[in-house]
Protein backbone atom coordinates (compact mmCIF):
# COMPACT_ATOMS: atom_id res chain seq x y z
CA MET A 1 -15.90 6.03 5.17
CA ARG A 2 -16.77 2.73 4.07
CA LYS A 3 -17.42 2.60 0.61
CA THR A 4 -18.47 0.60 -2.39
CA PHE A 5 -17.55 0.76 -6.34
CA ARG A 6 -18.34 -0.86 -9.73
CA VAL A 7 -16.08 -1.75 -12.19
CA ALA A 8 -17.93 0.30 -14.60
CA ALA A 9 -17.63 3.36 -12.57
CA ALA A 10 -14.14 2.91 -11.96
CA THR A 11 -13.20 2.51 -15.54
CA GLY A 12 -15.04 5.85 -16.03
CA ILE A 13 -13.02 7.62 -13.32
CA LEU A 14 -9.58 6.62 -14.41
CA ALA A 15 -10.82 7.46 -18.08
CA SER A 16 -11.58 11.11 -16.74
CA LEU A 17 -8.23 11.26 -14.66
CA GLY A 18 -6.24 10.84 -18.36
CA GLY A 19 -8.01 13.63 -19.60
CA VAL A 20 -11.29 12.49 -20.69
CA ALA A 21 -13.98 14.97 -20.61
CA SER A 22 -16.53 12.89 -20.51
CA LEU A 23 -17.69 11.97 -16.86
CA GLN A 24 -20.72 9.95 -17.46
CA ALA A 25 -19.41 6.62 -16.01
CA ALA A 26 -18.22 8.50 -12.84
CA SER A 27 -22.02 10.02 -11.84
CA ALA A 28 -20.56 12.73 -10.99
CA SER A 29 -24.53 14.22 -9.97
CA THR A 30 -23.56 14.93 -6.08
CA THR A 31 -22.73 18.98 -5.48
CA PRO A 32 -19.73 19.43 -3.28
CA HIS A 33 -20.37 21.12 -0.12
CA ARG A 34 -18.64 24.42 0.26
CA GLN A 35 -17.76 25.93 3.30
CA HIS A 36 -18.41 29.96 2.69
CA ALA A 37 -15.72 32.43 3.46
CA SER A 38 -17.42 34.93 5.75
CA ALA A 39 -14.64 37.41 4.72
CA SER A 40 -14.66 39.48 1.42
CA GLY A 41 -11.52 40.74 -0.79
CA GLY A 42 -8.18 39.38 -1.02
CA MET A 43 -6.50 36.64 -2.63
CA LYS A 44 -8.77 33.07 -2.65
CA ILE A 45 -7.04 29.90 -0.82
CA THR A 46 -9.48 27.06 -1.46
CA TYR A 47 -9.10 23.52 0.09
CA ALA A 48 -11.19 20.22 -1.15
CA GLY A 49 -11.03 16.66 -0.72
CA PHE A 50 -13.14 13.51 0.90
CA SER A 51 -10.88 13.58 3.93
CA SER A 52 -12.42 15.06 7.17
CA MET A 53 -13.46 18.69 7.23
CA ASN A 54 -14.01 18.73 11.11
CA GLY A 55 -13.74 21.71 12.57
CA LEU A 56 -12.83 23.23 9.32
CA PRO A 57 -15.92 26.09 9.50
CA GLN A 58 -14.62 27.83 12.32
CA ILE A 59 -10.78 27.89 11.82
CA ILE A 60 -11.84 29.61 8.50
CA LYS A 61 -13.80 32.10 10.28
CA GLY A 62 -10.98 32.85 12.12
CA LEU A 63 -8.02 32.71 9.47
CA ASN A 64 -10.88 35.05 7.66
CA LYS A 65 -11.31 37.43 10.59
CA LYS A 66 -7.50 37.31 11.14
CA TYR A 67 -6.63 38.17 7.31
CA ALA A 68 -9.55 39.96 5.94
CA GLY A 69 -8.39 41.91 3.08
CA LYS A 70 -5.37 40.05 2.24
CA TYR A 71 -6.77 36.22 2.25
CA VAL A 72 -10.14 34.57 1.53
CA PHE A 73 -10.09 31.02 2.92
CA GLN A 74 -12.33 28.48 1.64
CA ALA A 75 -13.24 24.41 1.96
CA THR A 76 -15.09 22.39 -0.04
CA ALA A 77 -16.08 18.68 0.80
CA TYR A 78 -15.86 16.03 -2.08
CA PRO A 79 -17.87 12.68 -1.51
CA TYR A 80 -15.79 9.83 -1.77
CA ALA A 81 -17.75 8.19 -4.39
CA ASN A 82 -17.24 10.38 -7.19
CA TYR A 83 -14.26 12.94 -5.89
CA ALA A 84 -12.04 11.95 -9.00
CA ALA A 85 -14.68 12.97 -11.37
CA LEU A 86 -15.45 16.10 -9.55
CA LEU A 87 -11.67 17.41 -9.35
CA SER A 88 -10.98 16.19 -12.93
CA SER A 89 -13.84 18.60 -13.70
CA ALA A 90 -12.17 21.15 -11.85
CA ILE A 91 -8.99 20.62 -13.44
CA SER A 92 -9.90 20.18 -16.98
CA GLY A 93 -11.83 24.11 -16.26
CA GLY A 94 -8.70 25.38 -15.00
CA ASN A 95 -9.70 25.75 -11.36
CA PRO A 96 -8.54 23.23 -9.32
CA PRO A 97 -8.29 23.50 -5.49
CA ASP A 98 -5.15 24.79 -4.11
CA ILE A 99 -4.70 22.38 -1.11
CA PHE A 100 -6.53 18.74 -1.73
CA GLY A 101 -7.20 15.99 0.47
CA ALA A 102 -7.25 12.65 -0.20
CA SER A 103 -6.03 8.89 0.30
CA TRP A 104 -2.27 8.99 -0.12
CA THR A 105 -1.99 7.20 -4.04
CA PRO A 106 -4.38 9.56 -5.85
CA SER A 107 -1.62 12.27 -5.39
CA VAL A 108 0.72 9.59 -7.10
CA TYR A 109 -1.28 10.14 -9.86
CA TYR A 110 -1.37 13.92 -10.09
CA ALA A 111 2.36 14.19 -9.38
CA ARG A 112 3.08 12.05 -12.42
CA GLU A 113 1.47 14.43 -14.29
CA GLY A 114 3.14 16.96 -13.27
CA LEU A 115 -0.13 18.98 -11.93
CA GLU A 116 1.26 18.97 -8.28
CA LEU A 117 3.95 21.04 -6.98
CA PRO A 118 6.53 19.78 -4.18
CA ILE A 119 5.44 19.83 -0.99
CA GLY A 120 8.61 20.77 0.83
CA PRO A 121 8.52 24.68 0.92
CA PHE A 122 5.14 24.80 1.81
CA VAL A 123 5.82 22.55 5.02
CA LYS A 124 9.01 24.32 5.89
CA ALA A 125 6.93 27.87 5.55
CA ALA A 126 4.16 26.30 7.95
CA GLY A 127 6.84 25.57 10.62
CA ILE A 128 5.00 21.75 10.38
CA ASN A 129 8.16 19.46 11.41
CA THR A 130 8.47 16.34 9.02
CA ALA A 131 10.04 14.22 11.78
CA ALA A 132 7.18 14.65 13.60
CA PHE A 133 5.26 12.29 11.42
CA PRO A 134 5.57 8.47 11.81
CA SER A 135 8.31 7.02 9.09
CA SER A 136 5.44 4.43 8.28
CA LEU A 137 3.68 7.83 6.74
CA TRP A 138 6.44 9.37 5.79
CA SER A 139 9.60 8.04 4.22
CA SER A 140 11.21 7.03 0.94
CA HIS A 141 8.15 5.33 0.19
CA ASN A 142 6.02 8.44 -0.38
CA LEU A 143 8.35 10.07 -3.10
CA VAL A 144 7.64 10.54 -6.58
CA LYS A 145 10.25 11.18 -8.55
CA GLY A 146 12.79 11.48 -5.54
CA VAL A 147 10.25 13.94 -4.45
CA HIS A 148 7.92 14.39 -1.56
CA TYR A 149 4.53 15.78 -3.01
CA SER A 150 2.16 15.28 -0.21
CA ILE A 151 1.94 15.17 3.65
CA PRO A 152 0.19 12.76 5.99
CA LEU A 153 -2.73 14.06 7.35
CA ASP A 154 -4.25 11.40 9.95
CA ALA A 155 -4.56 7.49 9.52
CA PHE A 156 -6.00 4.19 10.74
CA GLY A 157 -4.78 0.63 11.18
CA THR A 158 -6.43 -2.60 10.67
CA ALA A 159 -7.88 -3.64 13.74
CA LEU A 160 -9.20 -6.98 15.65
CA PHE A 161 -12.86 -5.58 17.48
CA TYR A 162 -13.93 -8.09 20.01
CA ASN A 163 -16.63 -8.12 22.31
CA LYS A 164 -16.01 -8.78 26.08
CA ALA A 165 -19.37 -9.75 26.71
CA LEU A 166 -19.14 -12.87 24.63
CA PHE A 167 -15.76 -13.75 25.59
CA LYS A 168 -16.98 -13.76 29.22
CA LYS A 169 -19.90 -15.96 27.92
CA ALA A 170 -17.43 -18.48 26.29
CA GLY A 171 -14.98 -18.69 29.07
CA LEU A 172 -12.47 -16.82 27.52
CA ASN A 173 -10.52 -13.88 29.64
CA PRO A 174 -12.33 -10.95 28.02
CA ASN A 175 -8.80 -8.67 28.69
CA LYS A 176 -6.74 -11.56 26.58
CA PRO A 177 -7.62 -11.15 22.96
CA PRO A 178 -5.72 -13.55 20.54
CA ALA A 179 -2.17 -13.04 19.36
CA THR A 180 -2.21 -15.73 16.59
CA GLY A 181 -4.41 -16.99 14.27
CA ALA A 182 -4.61 -20.25 15.89
CA GLN A 183 -5.58 -18.64 18.80
CA MET A 184 -8.19 -16.35 17.46
CA ILE A 185 -9.71 -20.06 15.60
CA ALA A 186 -9.62 -21.35 19.13
CA ASP A 187 -11.29 -18.53 20.58
CA ALA A 188 -14.27 -18.65 18.08
CA LYS A 189 -14.62 -22.27 18.48
CA ALA A 190 -15.15 -21.66 22.11
CA MET A 191 -17.74 -19.18 21.57
CA LYS A 192 -19.48 -21.11 18.76
CA LYS A 193 -19.93 -23.97 21.43
CA ALA A 194 -21.29 -21.45 24.43
CA GLY A 195 -23.94 -20.48 21.72
CA VAL A 196 -22.51 -17.38 20.02
CA LYS A 197 -24.31 -17.55 16.22
CA TYR A 198 -21.56 -15.48 14.88
CA PRO A 199 -18.00 -16.19 16.55
CA VAL A 200 -16.13 -14.40 13.75
CA ILE A 201 -18.12 -12.43 10.63
CA MET A 202 -16.11 -10.78 7.72
CA GLY A 203 -17.27 -8.75 4.86
CA VAL A 204 -16.47 -10.50 1.50
CA ASP A 205 -16.77 -7.28 -0.61
CA LYS A 206 -14.64 -4.12 -1.03
CA ASN A 207 -15.35 -2.53 2.12
CA THR A 208 -13.99 -5.04 4.76
CA GLN A 209 -11.46 -6.42 2.07
CA ASP A 210 -9.42 -3.13 1.24
CA PHE A 211 -8.19 -3.34 4.32
CA LEU A 212 -7.77 -7.04 5.96
CA TYR A 213 -6.63 -8.61 2.66
CA PRO A 214 -3.55 -6.35 2.32
CA SER A 215 -3.22 -7.02 5.81
CA LEU A 216 -2.81 -10.47 5.62
CA VAL A 217 -0.92 -10.48 2.39
CA TYR A 218 1.63 -8.49 4.36
CA GLN A 219 1.74 -10.84 7.06
CA PHE A 220 2.07 -13.66 4.94
CA GLY A 221 5.53 -11.97 3.58
CA GLY A 222 4.10 -10.72 0.25
CA LYS A 223 3.43 -7.33 -1.43
CA MET A 224 0.67 -6.11 -3.34
CA GLY A 225 1.92 -4.34 -6.17
CA LYS A 226 5.15 -2.90 -7.40
CA PRO A 227 5.74 0.68 -8.07
CA THR A 228 8.43 1.21 -10.63
CA ASN A 229 6.10 -0.70 -12.67
CA CYS A 230 3.04 -0.84 -11.35
CA ALA A 231 2.79 -4.62 -11.49
CA SER A 232 0.60 -6.32 -9.36
CA LEU A 233 2.00 -9.29 -6.82
CA PHE A 234 -0.84 -10.43 -4.83
CA ASP A 235 -1.16 -13.30 -7.05
CA SER A 236 1.39 -15.01 -5.20
CA PRO A 237 1.97 -17.69 -2.14
CA ALA A 238 1.50 -14.94 0.16
CA GLY A 239 -1.93 -13.95 -1.84
CA THR A 240 -3.03 -17.42 -2.13
CA LYS A 241 -2.58 -18.03 1.95
CA ALA A 242 -4.16 -14.89 2.89
CA ALA A 243 -7.20 -15.71 0.81
CA ASN A 244 -7.20 -19.15 2.11
CA TRP A 245 -7.10 -18.42 5.67
CA GLU A 246 -10.06 -16.07 5.06
CA LYS A 247 -12.02 -19.13 4.00
CA SER A 248 -11.00 -21.31 6.20
CA LEU A 249 -12.61 -19.73 8.63
CA ILE A 250 -15.84 -19.94 6.66
CA TYR A 251 -15.61 -23.57 5.42
CA THR A 252 -13.12 -25.42 7.10
CA TYR A 253 -13.70 -24.09 10.60
CA HIS A 254 -17.58 -22.78 10.30
CA VAL A 255 -16.94 -19.68 12.37
CA ALA A 256 -17.88 -17.33 10.16
CA PRO A 257 -21.01 -17.17 7.83
CA ALA A 258 -20.75 -17.30 4.58
CA GLY A 259 -21.08 -14.15 2.12
CA PRO A 260 -22.79 -11.29 4.79
CA SER A 261 -24.33 -8.07 2.73
CA PRO A 262 -22.01 -5.25 2.81
CA ASN A 263 -21.42 -3.61 6.30
CA GLU A 264 -22.92 -6.47 7.68
CA ASP A 265 -20.26 -7.16 9.77
CA LEU A 266 -20.01 -3.60 11.18
CA ASN A 267 -23.61 -3.26 11.95
CA ASP A 268 -24.22 -7.00 13.52
CA PHE A 269 -20.89 -6.31 15.57
CA GLY A 270 -22.05 -2.73 16.84
CA LYS A 271 -25.45 -4.99 17.70
CA GLY A 272 -23.38 -7.11 20.47
CA ILE A 273 -24.37 -10.01 18.31
CA VAL A 274 -20.49 -10.89 16.87
CA GLY A 275 -17.54 -11.95 18.88
CA MET A 276 -14.68 -10.71 16.86
CA VAL A 277 -14.62 -8.73 13.06
CA MET A 278 -11.47 -7.24 11.40
CA LEU A 279 -12.21 -3.72 10.30
CA PRO A 280 -10.20 -0.64 9.91
CA ALA A 281 -9.87 1.01 13.39
CA ILE A 282 -11.84 3.79 11.72
CA ASN A 283 -14.70 2.55 13.10
CA GLN A 284 -14.25 2.43 16.83
CA GLY A 285 -15.95 5.39 17.22
CA SER A 286 -19.12 4.60 16.09
CA LEU A 287 -18.43 1.03 18.28
CA LEU A 288 -17.89 2.74 21.53
CA LYS A 289 -20.97 4.12 21.49
CA SER A 290 -22.60 1.47 20.59
CA LEU A 291 -20.27 -1.25 23.12
CA GLY A 292 -19.44 0.87 25.72
CA SER A 293 -17.22 -1.37 28.27
CA LYS A 294 -18.19 -4.30 25.94
CA LEU A 295 -15.77 -3.05 23.12
CA GLY A 296 -12.45 -4.81 23.49
CA VAL A 297 -9.81 -3.63 20.50
CA ALA A 298 -6.50 -4.76 19.72
CA PRO A 299 -4.19 -5.45 16.30
CA LEU A 300 -4.43 -7.81 14.15
CA PRO A 301 -3.40 -11.51 15.37
CA LYS A 302 -0.31 -12.79 13.86
CA ILE A 303 -1.94 -14.71 11.42
CA GLY A 304 0.94 -14.81 9.26
CA ILE A 305 4.94 -14.84 9.70
CA ASN A 306 4.50 -11.02 11.10
CA THR A 307 2.52 -8.91 12.88
CA ASP A 308 2.00 -6.11 9.76
CA ASP A 309 -1.09 -4.56 9.26
CA PHE A 310 -2.42 -2.32 6.29
CA VAL A 311 -3.00 1.72 7.48
CA GLY A 312 -5.91 3.61 5.82
CA GLN A 313 -4.75 7.35 5.41
CA GLN A 314 -5.52 10.69 4.10
CA TYR A 315 -2.53 12.81 2.64
CA LEU A 316 -2.54 16.85 1.63
CA TRP A 317 -1.10 18.02 -1.55
CA VAL A 318 -0.67 21.19 -3.20
CA PHE A 319 -2.09 22.17 -6.93
CA LYS A 320 -0.02 23.49 -9.57
CA THR A 321 -2.82 26.48 -9.72
CA THR A 322 -2.51 30.26 -10.64
CA THR A 323 -2.33 31.20 -7.00
CA SER A 324 -0.37 28.85 -5.26
CA THR A 325 2.67 29.48 -7.67
CA THR A 326 2.50 33.10 -6.67
CA PRO A 327 4.65 34.02 -3.67
CA ALA A 328 1.48 35.75 -1.59
CA GLY A 329 -0.17 32.17 -2.94
CA ALA A 330 2.05 29.80 -1.25
CA LYS A 331 2.23 32.30 1.91
CA GLY A 332 -1.92 31.54 2.53
CA VAL A 333 -0.92 28.06 1.54
CA ALA A 334 0.86 27.66 3.93
CA ILE A 335 -1.26 29.77 6.70
CA PHE A 336 -4.10 27.32 5.71
CA LEU A 337 -1.61 24.27 6.14
CA ARG A 338 -0.55 25.39 9.53
CA ALA A 339 -4.22 26.10 10.76
CA ILE A 340 -5.12 22.37 9.69
CA TYR A 341 -1.97 20.68 11.26
CA ASN A 342 -2.22 22.75 14.84
CA GLN A 343 -6.33 23.21 15.03
CA GLU A 344 -7.91 20.74 12.60
CA LEU A 345 -6.63 17.64 13.69
CA PRO A 346 -7.36 17.34 17.16
CA SER A 347 -11.02 17.79 15.82
CA ILE A 348 -10.71 15.50 13.26
CA ALA A 349 -9.52 12.80 16.16
CA LYS A 350 -12.03 13.60 18.65
CA ASP A 351 -14.64 13.29 16.14
CA ASN A 352 -13.55 10.23 14.05
CA GLY A 353 -11.33 8.18 16.22
CA ILE A 354 -8.56 8.58 13.65
CA ILE A 355 -4.70 8.96 14.94
CA PRO A 356 -3.71 11.91 14.10
CA ALA A 357 -0.55 11.74 11.74
CA TYR A 358 1.25 14.85 13.02
CA ALA A 359 2.49 13.97 16.84
CA PRO A 360 1.48 17.42 18.52
CA ALA A 361 -1.70 17.06 17.52
CA LEU A 362 -1.53 13.37 18.85
CA SER A 363 -0.54 14.32 22.00
CA ALA A 364 -3.68 16.49 22.63
CA VAL A 365 -5.96 13.10 22.04
CA LYS A 366 -3.70 10.55 23.23
CA SER A 367 -6.04 9.87 26.27
CA MET A 368 -8.57 8.88 23.89
CA PRO A 369 -10.01 5.43 24.65
CA PHE A 370 -8.03 2.69 22.53
CA PHE A 371 -5.52 5.26 21.17
CA ALA A 372 -2.72 3.73 22.67
CA GLN A 373 -3.42 0.36 19.93
CA GLN A 374 -4.26 2.10 17.14
CA ASP A 375 -0.77 4.13 17.62
CA GLN A 376 0.88 1.47 17.68
CA MET A 377 -1.34 -0.01 14.56
CA VAL A 378 0.08 2.81 12.58
CA LYS A 379 3.52 2.67 13.49
CA THR A 380 3.86 -0.69 12.63
CA GLY A 381 1.53 -1.03 9.55
CA ARG A 382 1.68 -0.21 5.86
CA VAL A 383 0.51 2.28 3.49
CA ASN A 384 -0.23 1.25 -0.10
CA PRO A 385 2.41 1.28 -2.82
CA ALA A 386 3.48 4.26 -5.00
CA ILE A 387 0.95 3.27 -7.42
CA PRO A 388 -1.57 5.90 -8.89
CA ASN A 389 -5.03 5.40 -7.19
CA TRP A 390 -4.21 1.98 -5.97
CA GLY A 391 -6.49 0.96 -3.39
CA THR A 392 -9.02 3.19 -4.57
CA VAL A 393 -10.06 2.74 -8.14
CA THR A 394 -7.35 0.55 -9.50
CA GLY A 395 -7.86 -2.44 -6.46
CA VAL A 396 -11.99 -3.00 -7.84
CA PRO A 397 -10.99 -5.90 -9.61
CA LEU A 398 -9.03 -7.08 -7.35
CA TYR A 399 -12.06 -6.88 -5.02
CA ASN A 400 -14.57 -8.09 -7.31
CA ASN A 401 -12.43 -11.24 -7.61
CA LEU A 402 -11.84 -11.77 -4.20
CA GLU A 403 -15.20 -11.19 -3.49
CA GLU A 404 -15.87 -14.69 -5.82
CA VAL A 405 -13.40 -16.55 -3.75
CA LEU A 406 -14.81 -15.94 -0.61
CA LEU A 407 -18.21 -16.87 -1.84
CA ASN A 408 -16.53 -20.20 -2.98
CA LYS A 409 -17.83 -19.38 -6.48
CA VAL A 410 -14.42 -19.70 -7.88
CA SER A 411 -11.02 -21.32 -6.80
CA THR A 412 -8.55 -19.07 -4.85
CA SER A 413 -5.75 -19.40 -7.98
CA ALA A 414 -8.44 -18.44 -10.76
CA GLY A 415 -9.88 -15.93 -8.84
CA LEU A 416 -6.28 -14.22 -8.31
CA ALA A 417 -4.94 -14.97 -11.44
CA GLN A 418 -8.45 -13.33 -13.01
CA ALA A 419 -7.39 -10.20 -10.84
CA LYS A 420 -3.95 -9.65 -11.44
CA ASN A 421 -4.74 -9.81 -15.44
CA GLN A 422 -7.31 -7.04 -14.92
CA THR A 423 -5.69 -5.11 -12.76
CA ASN A 424 -2.56 -4.86 -14.65
CA GLN A 425 -4.63 -3.67 -17.99
CA LEU A 426 -5.96 -1.10 -15.50
CA THR A 427 -2.73 0.21 -13.95
CA GLN A 428 -0.96 0.17 -17.62
CA THR A 429 -2.82 3.12 -18.56
CA LEU A 430 -1.49 5.30 -15.72
CA PRO A 431 1.66 7.65 -15.85
CA GLY A 432 4.79 5.74 -15.09
CA CYS A 433 3.63 2.35 -15.27
CA THR A 434 5.59 0.28 -17.97
CA GLN A 435 5.05 -3.23 -17.67
């Protein structure tokens, strides 16, 4: 689920979200993959999104058999890179899916545009207990116009992954990962002295930084943005300290290489040649396969004044469609939601190593490796501010400029100032943003 963006594409996506018919800049050439229903006849209930579809084919097969003649359930997987263009096309064509699954902040956009229905009645009809969601994912933070329009599906914190074998090589305790930024630097120096080429490696592009940088901003006591007017807040002392700490690993302590290529941090760590990386915990499934017992997982060290981290997440919402606004359609949506939360979520966790947001599903997979650490990250972490498309599309200017900062091409202050101006220009065109 690691992503790459370009500003031109992002601008095109935002234009399409605003109702512009042309989708040229968004490059919507990829066709969504649809899980076709096996039954015929009945009211069609559709689910789409870039959230995981693990386990859905079998669930849909069972639902269509059980409700044959009443409902036909279908699911469509949208590619992340152009989900907004595909969804915009469906909306403008009058055929949006009834249920959509994606990151939290896109739902803010559609709710502010009046395209979603309040989620409460559907959650109640589905028998989903909202008290079973962690407060980090379900709270007043997630309200739009004072109402919940979406519910959390799954989540993953920003973790410190470390190689236990390389810790041993450096004379470090493989069961004691660094708990502070100072200790992380000390451990990295020890590994470098022991001959480890890359004690630490950090991607400088959006793939890594849209998890790591917000985490550090939060740790230094800052905020990424202001929901009430969508103003960016990362050009601050906390934002400066976050970027400078990353730069110090590269240019001051020389324990991390400058400018690794996209995904090089994940790939090289998976090969066993890197001591530590800071990545979204969604990657732990693949790293377990490649490193096995050598893999160590821990929450981010306390680099700033607290131990906060950014939590990646997937939410579900219900579009205002000709189906969902009818009593029978609303019942069908609730049936589908019940199946997703009670049947699909354990499959997502087992296949991807992602923490289910719903406690009953979490209990079904709690014995999996490192789930206790990741559950702690989710419970104490923070989601993106309630700004439309923040972190997906509207975060692009920040991470383009931050990359220049981390490559030492521009100063931290100049890079963040430029990022702030470009981000504010982008967000001020969105609904509810009045800077």
